[in-house]
N, C-alpha and C. Protein backbone atom coordinates (compact mmCIF):
# COMPACT_ATOMS: atom_id res chain seq x y z
N MET A 1 -3.60 12.40 14.12
CA MET A 1 -4.31 12.11 12.87
C MET A 1 -3.42 11.23 12.01
N LEU A 2 -4.03 10.30 11.34
CA LEU A 2 -3.32 9.39 10.46
C LEU A 2 -3.75 9.67 9.03
N ARG A 3 -2.78 9.74 8.15
CA ARG A 3 -3.05 9.90 6.72
C ARG A 3 -2.18 8.90 5.99
N ALA A 4 -2.76 8.22 5.03
CA ALA A 4 -2.00 7.21 4.26
C ALA A 4 -2.01 7.59 2.79
N TRP A 5 -0.87 7.36 2.15
CA TRP A 5 -0.75 7.57 0.71
C TRP A 5 -0.32 6.26 0.08
N SER A 6 -0.74 6.05 -1.13
CA SER A 6 -0.34 4.87 -1.88
C SER A 6 0.35 5.34 -3.15
N GLY A 7 1.41 4.66 -3.49
CA GLY A 7 2.15 4.98 -4.71
C GLY A 7 3.10 3.86 -5.03
N GLY A 8 3.85 4.04 -6.07
CA GLY A 8 4.78 3.00 -6.46
C GLY A 8 6.06 3.56 -7.04
N SER A 9 7.11 2.76 -6.98
CA SER A 9 8.38 3.17 -7.55
C SER A 9 8.36 3.03 -9.07
N GLU A 10 7.57 2.09 -9.56
CA GLU A 10 7.39 1.90 -11.00
C GLU A 10 5.91 1.59 -11.26
N PRO A 11 5.05 2.59 -11.09
CA PRO A 11 3.61 2.32 -11.23
C PRO A 11 3.23 1.95 -12.66
N GLY A 12 2.19 1.15 -12.76
CA GLY A 12 1.67 0.76 -14.07
C GLY A 12 0.87 1.89 -14.69
N PHE A 13 -0.03 1.51 -15.57
CA PHE A 13 -0.82 2.51 -16.29
C PHE A 13 -2.23 2.66 -15.74
N GLU A 14 -2.70 1.65 -15.01
CA GLU A 14 -4.04 1.69 -14.44
C GLU A 14 -4.07 0.89 -13.16
N VAL A 15 -5.04 1.18 -12.32
CA VAL A 15 -5.22 0.40 -11.11
C VAL A 15 -5.71 -0.98 -11.52
N ASN A 16 -5.12 -1.99 -10.93
CA ASN A 16 -5.44 -3.39 -11.25
C ASN A 16 -6.93 -3.66 -11.07
N PRO A 17 -7.64 -4.08 -12.13
CA PRO A 17 -9.08 -4.36 -12.01
C PRO A 17 -9.39 -5.43 -10.95
N ALA A 18 -8.52 -6.42 -10.80
CA ALA A 18 -8.75 -7.44 -9.77
C ALA A 18 -8.63 -6.85 -8.37
N ALA A 19 -7.73 -5.89 -8.20
CA ALA A 19 -7.60 -5.21 -6.90
C ALA A 19 -8.84 -4.37 -6.63
N ILE A 20 -9.35 -3.71 -7.65
CA ILE A 20 -10.58 -2.91 -7.48
C ILE A 20 -11.71 -3.82 -7.02
N ALA A 21 -11.84 -4.98 -7.66
CA ALA A 21 -12.92 -5.92 -7.30
C ALA A 21 -12.71 -6.47 -5.89
N ALA A 22 -11.48 -6.83 -5.54
CA ALA A 22 -11.21 -7.40 -4.21
C ALA A 22 -11.47 -6.36 -3.12
N MET A 23 -11.10 -5.12 -3.35
CA MET A 23 -11.35 -4.08 -2.35
C MET A 23 -12.83 -3.76 -2.25
N SER A 24 -13.52 -3.82 -3.36
CA SER A 24 -14.97 -3.58 -3.37
C SER A 24 -15.69 -4.58 -2.47
N GLU A 25 -15.18 -5.79 -2.39
CA GLU A 25 -15.78 -6.80 -1.50
C GLU A 25 -15.71 -6.37 -0.04
N ARG A 26 -14.81 -5.48 0.29
CA ARG A 26 -14.67 -4.94 1.65
C ARG A 26 -15.29 -3.56 1.77
N ASP A 27 -16.12 -3.19 0.76
CA ASP A 27 -16.78 -1.88 0.74
C ASP A 27 -15.78 -0.72 0.70
N ILE A 28 -14.66 -0.95 0.03
CA ILE A 28 -13.66 0.09 -0.20
C ILE A 28 -13.59 0.32 -1.70
N ASP A 29 -13.97 1.51 -2.12
CA ASP A 29 -14.02 1.83 -3.55
C ASP A 29 -12.72 2.52 -3.97
N ILE A 30 -11.91 1.79 -4.74
CA ILE A 30 -10.68 2.38 -5.28
C ILE A 30 -10.79 2.56 -6.80
N SER A 31 -12.00 2.46 -7.32
CA SER A 31 -12.20 2.51 -8.77
C SER A 31 -11.85 3.87 -9.37
N ARG A 32 -11.88 4.91 -8.57
CA ARG A 32 -11.56 6.25 -9.08
C ARG A 32 -10.13 6.67 -8.78
N GLU A 33 -9.38 5.76 -8.17
CA GLU A 33 -7.97 6.05 -7.89
C GLU A 33 -7.17 5.97 -9.19
N PHE A 34 -5.97 6.48 -9.15
CA PHE A 34 -5.09 6.41 -10.31
C PHE A 34 -3.69 6.06 -9.82
N VAL A 35 -2.89 5.52 -10.71
CA VAL A 35 -1.54 5.12 -10.32
C VAL A 35 -0.70 6.37 -10.09
N LYS A 36 0.13 6.31 -9.05
CA LYS A 36 0.94 7.46 -8.67
C LYS A 36 2.36 6.99 -8.36
N PRO A 37 3.36 7.74 -8.83
CA PRO A 37 4.73 7.41 -8.43
C PRO A 37 5.02 7.99 -7.05
N TRP A 38 5.94 7.35 -6.32
CA TRP A 38 6.43 7.95 -5.09
C TRP A 38 7.19 9.21 -5.47
N THR A 39 7.02 10.22 -4.68
CA THR A 39 7.81 11.43 -4.87
C THR A 39 8.62 11.69 -3.60
N ASP A 40 9.69 12.44 -3.74
CA ASP A 40 10.47 12.79 -2.56
C ASP A 40 9.62 13.52 -1.54
N GLU A 41 8.69 14.37 -2.01
CA GLU A 41 7.85 15.14 -1.10
C GLU A 41 6.96 14.24 -0.26
N VAL A 42 6.40 13.20 -0.87
CA VAL A 42 5.52 12.28 -0.13
C VAL A 42 6.33 11.55 0.93
N VAL A 43 7.51 11.07 0.56
CA VAL A 43 8.33 10.32 1.51
C VAL A 43 8.82 11.25 2.63
N ARG A 44 9.20 12.46 2.30
CA ARG A 44 9.64 13.41 3.33
C ARG A 44 8.52 13.71 4.34
N ALA A 45 7.28 13.74 3.86
CA ALA A 45 6.14 14.06 4.73
C ALA A 45 5.73 12.89 5.61
N ALA A 46 6.20 11.70 5.31
CA ALA A 46 5.76 10.50 6.04
C ALA A 46 6.58 10.28 7.31
N ASP A 47 5.94 9.69 8.30
CA ASP A 47 6.64 9.22 9.49
C ASP A 47 7.06 7.77 9.31
N VAL A 48 6.20 6.99 8.65
CA VAL A 48 6.47 5.59 8.38
C VAL A 48 6.29 5.35 6.89
N VAL A 49 7.27 4.70 6.28
CA VAL A 49 7.21 4.37 4.86
C VAL A 49 7.20 2.85 4.74
N VAL A 50 6.15 2.32 4.12
CA VAL A 50 6.05 0.88 3.91
C VAL A 50 6.28 0.62 2.43
N SER A 51 7.32 -0.12 2.13
CA SER A 51 7.56 -0.51 0.74
C SER A 51 7.16 -1.97 0.58
N MET A 52 6.86 -2.31 -0.63
CA MET A 52 6.43 -3.67 -0.93
C MET A 52 7.26 -4.20 -2.09
N GLY A 53 8.58 -4.16 -1.87
CA GLY A 53 9.48 -4.74 -2.84
C GLY A 53 10.08 -3.78 -3.84
N CYS A 54 10.19 -2.50 -3.50
CA CYS A 54 10.76 -1.57 -4.48
C CYS A 54 12.28 -1.51 -4.42
N GLY A 55 12.88 -2.10 -3.41
CA GLY A 55 14.33 -2.16 -3.32
C GLY A 55 14.99 -0.79 -3.35
N ASP A 56 16.01 -0.66 -4.18
CA ASP A 56 16.78 0.58 -4.25
C ASP A 56 16.03 1.71 -4.93
N ALA A 57 14.89 1.43 -5.55
CA ALA A 57 14.13 2.47 -6.25
C ALA A 57 13.38 3.39 -5.29
N CYS A 58 13.23 2.98 -4.03
CA CYS A 58 12.50 3.80 -3.06
C CYS A 58 13.40 4.88 -2.50
N PRO A 59 12.90 6.12 -2.42
CA PRO A 59 13.71 7.18 -1.80
C PRO A 59 13.86 6.92 -0.31
N VAL A 60 15.04 7.22 0.22
CA VAL A 60 15.32 7.01 1.64
C VAL A 60 15.80 8.32 2.24
N PHE A 61 15.17 8.71 3.35
CA PHE A 61 15.55 9.93 4.05
C PHE A 61 15.79 9.60 5.51
N PRO A 62 16.76 10.24 6.14
CA PRO A 62 17.03 9.98 7.56
C PRO A 62 15.83 10.36 8.43
N GLY A 63 15.70 9.64 9.53
CA GLY A 63 14.66 9.96 10.50
C GLY A 63 13.31 9.35 10.21
N LYS A 64 13.19 8.58 9.15
CA LYS A 64 11.93 7.92 8.81
C LYS A 64 11.99 6.47 9.27
N ARG A 65 10.87 5.93 9.57
CA ARG A 65 10.78 4.49 9.87
C ARG A 65 10.41 3.79 8.58
N TYR A 66 11.21 2.82 8.19
CA TYR A 66 10.97 2.08 6.95
C TYR A 66 10.64 0.64 7.26
N LEU A 67 9.61 0.15 6.60
CA LEU A 67 9.22 -1.26 6.67
C LEU A 67 9.15 -1.79 5.25
N ASP A 68 9.68 -2.98 5.03
CA ASP A 68 9.60 -3.59 3.71
C ASP A 68 8.79 -4.87 3.84
N TRP A 69 7.61 -4.85 3.27
CA TRP A 69 6.72 -6.00 3.33
C TRP A 69 6.86 -6.78 2.03
N THR A 70 7.33 -8.01 2.13
CA THR A 70 7.45 -8.87 0.95
C THR A 70 6.08 -9.46 0.67
N LEU A 71 5.54 -9.13 -0.49
CA LEU A 71 4.20 -9.57 -0.89
C LEU A 71 4.23 -10.02 -2.34
N ASP A 72 3.29 -10.88 -2.69
CA ASP A 72 3.12 -11.23 -4.10
C ASP A 72 2.63 -10.01 -4.86
N ASP A 73 3.09 -9.88 -6.09
CA ASP A 73 2.64 -8.79 -6.95
C ASP A 73 1.28 -9.17 -7.52
N PRO A 74 0.26 -8.33 -7.33
CA PRO A 74 -1.07 -8.67 -7.83
C PRO A 74 -1.24 -8.45 -9.34
N ALA A 75 -0.24 -7.89 -10.00
CA ALA A 75 -0.35 -7.61 -11.44
C ALA A 75 -0.65 -8.89 -12.22
N GLY A 76 -1.70 -8.81 -13.04
CA GLY A 76 -2.06 -9.93 -13.89
C GLY A 76 -2.76 -11.08 -13.19
N LYS A 77 -3.04 -10.94 -11.91
CA LYS A 77 -3.69 -12.01 -11.15
C LYS A 77 -5.21 -11.83 -11.15
N THR A 78 -5.91 -12.92 -10.89
CA THR A 78 -7.37 -12.90 -10.80
C THR A 78 -7.79 -12.39 -9.43
N VAL A 79 -9.07 -12.10 -9.30
CA VAL A 79 -9.60 -11.67 -8.00
C VAL A 79 -9.34 -12.74 -6.94
N ASP A 80 -9.51 -14.01 -7.30
CA ASP A 80 -9.24 -15.09 -6.35
C ASP A 80 -7.80 -15.07 -5.87
N ASP A 81 -6.87 -14.71 -6.76
CA ASP A 81 -5.46 -14.64 -6.39
C ASP A 81 -5.13 -13.39 -5.60
N VAL A 82 -5.89 -12.31 -5.82
CA VAL A 82 -5.62 -11.03 -5.15
C VAL A 82 -6.16 -11.03 -3.72
N ARG A 83 -7.20 -11.77 -3.45
CA ARG A 83 -7.80 -11.76 -2.10
C ARG A 83 -6.79 -12.07 -1.00
N PRO A 84 -5.98 -13.14 -1.13
CA PRO A 84 -5.01 -13.40 -0.05
C PRO A 84 -3.97 -12.28 0.10
N ILE A 85 -3.62 -11.62 -0.98
CA ILE A 85 -2.69 -10.49 -0.91
C ILE A 85 -3.35 -9.35 -0.15
N ARG A 86 -4.60 -9.05 -0.50
CA ARG A 86 -5.36 -8.01 0.20
C ARG A 86 -5.45 -8.33 1.69
N ASP A 87 -5.75 -9.57 2.03
CA ASP A 87 -5.91 -9.96 3.42
C ASP A 87 -4.59 -9.88 4.18
N ASN A 88 -3.49 -10.23 3.51
CA ASN A 88 -2.17 -10.13 4.12
C ASN A 88 -1.83 -8.67 4.42
N ILE A 89 -2.11 -7.79 3.46
CA ILE A 89 -1.87 -6.37 3.67
C ILE A 89 -2.73 -5.86 4.82
N GLU A 90 -3.99 -6.27 4.87
CA GLU A 90 -4.86 -5.82 5.96
C GLU A 90 -4.31 -6.24 7.32
N ARG A 91 -3.86 -7.49 7.45
CA ARG A 91 -3.29 -7.95 8.72
C ARG A 91 -2.08 -7.11 9.11
N ARG A 92 -1.23 -6.82 8.14
CA ARG A 92 -0.03 -6.05 8.42
C ARG A 92 -0.37 -4.60 8.79
N VAL A 93 -1.33 -4.01 8.09
CA VAL A 93 -1.73 -2.64 8.40
C VAL A 93 -2.33 -2.58 9.80
N ARG A 94 -3.18 -3.54 10.13
CA ARG A 94 -3.77 -3.55 11.48
C ARG A 94 -2.69 -3.70 12.54
N GLY A 95 -1.68 -4.54 12.27
CA GLY A 95 -0.57 -4.70 13.20
C GLY A 95 0.23 -3.41 13.34
N LEU A 96 0.46 -2.72 12.24
CA LEU A 96 1.17 -1.45 12.27
C LEU A 96 0.38 -0.41 13.05
N LEU A 97 -0.93 -0.35 12.82
CA LEU A 97 -1.77 0.59 13.57
C LEU A 97 -1.70 0.31 15.06
N ASP A 98 -1.77 -0.97 15.44
CA ASP A 98 -1.64 -1.34 16.86
C ASP A 98 -0.30 -0.87 17.41
N ASP A 99 0.76 -1.11 16.62
CA ASP A 99 2.11 -0.71 17.04
C ASP A 99 2.22 0.80 17.23
N LEU A 100 1.53 1.54 16.38
CA LEU A 100 1.55 3.00 16.46
C LEU A 100 0.55 3.56 17.47
N GLY A 101 -0.30 2.69 18.03
CA GLY A 101 -1.31 3.15 18.98
C GLY A 101 -2.47 3.88 18.32
N VAL A 102 -2.74 3.54 17.08
CA VAL A 102 -3.82 4.18 16.32
C VAL A 102 -4.95 3.17 16.16
N PRO A 103 -6.16 3.50 16.63
CA PRO A 103 -7.28 2.56 16.47
C PRO A 103 -7.68 2.42 14.99
N ALA A 104 -7.93 1.18 14.57
CA ALA A 104 -8.42 0.93 13.21
C ALA A 104 -9.86 1.41 13.11
N GLN A 105 -10.22 1.98 11.97
CA GLN A 105 -11.57 2.53 11.82
C GLN A 105 -12.41 1.81 10.80
N HIS A 106 -11.84 0.87 10.08
CA HIS A 106 -12.65 0.19 9.04
C HIS A 106 -12.58 -1.29 9.23
């Protein structure tokens, strides 16, 4: 079974409206999500931790697989600007799922 969590080392105050709109175009509703900080418990529970530029702010525990994906920050960007970021993340997630032998479901 695969379970994914989303969080940040320095989360903002609200989910980016442009990200909500961009994900909605893919029939993924994140409008009821809320910003969450990474916690030690979440990282300890993970097998793979994907960071997107948090640097030294991300907790590191032995025995975990860590990936750092360099991506543009969608903060303050328009939906047109967020779409390529969303698509880049999707390509990387699909590649990670293939690497883990987990079939994509969406």
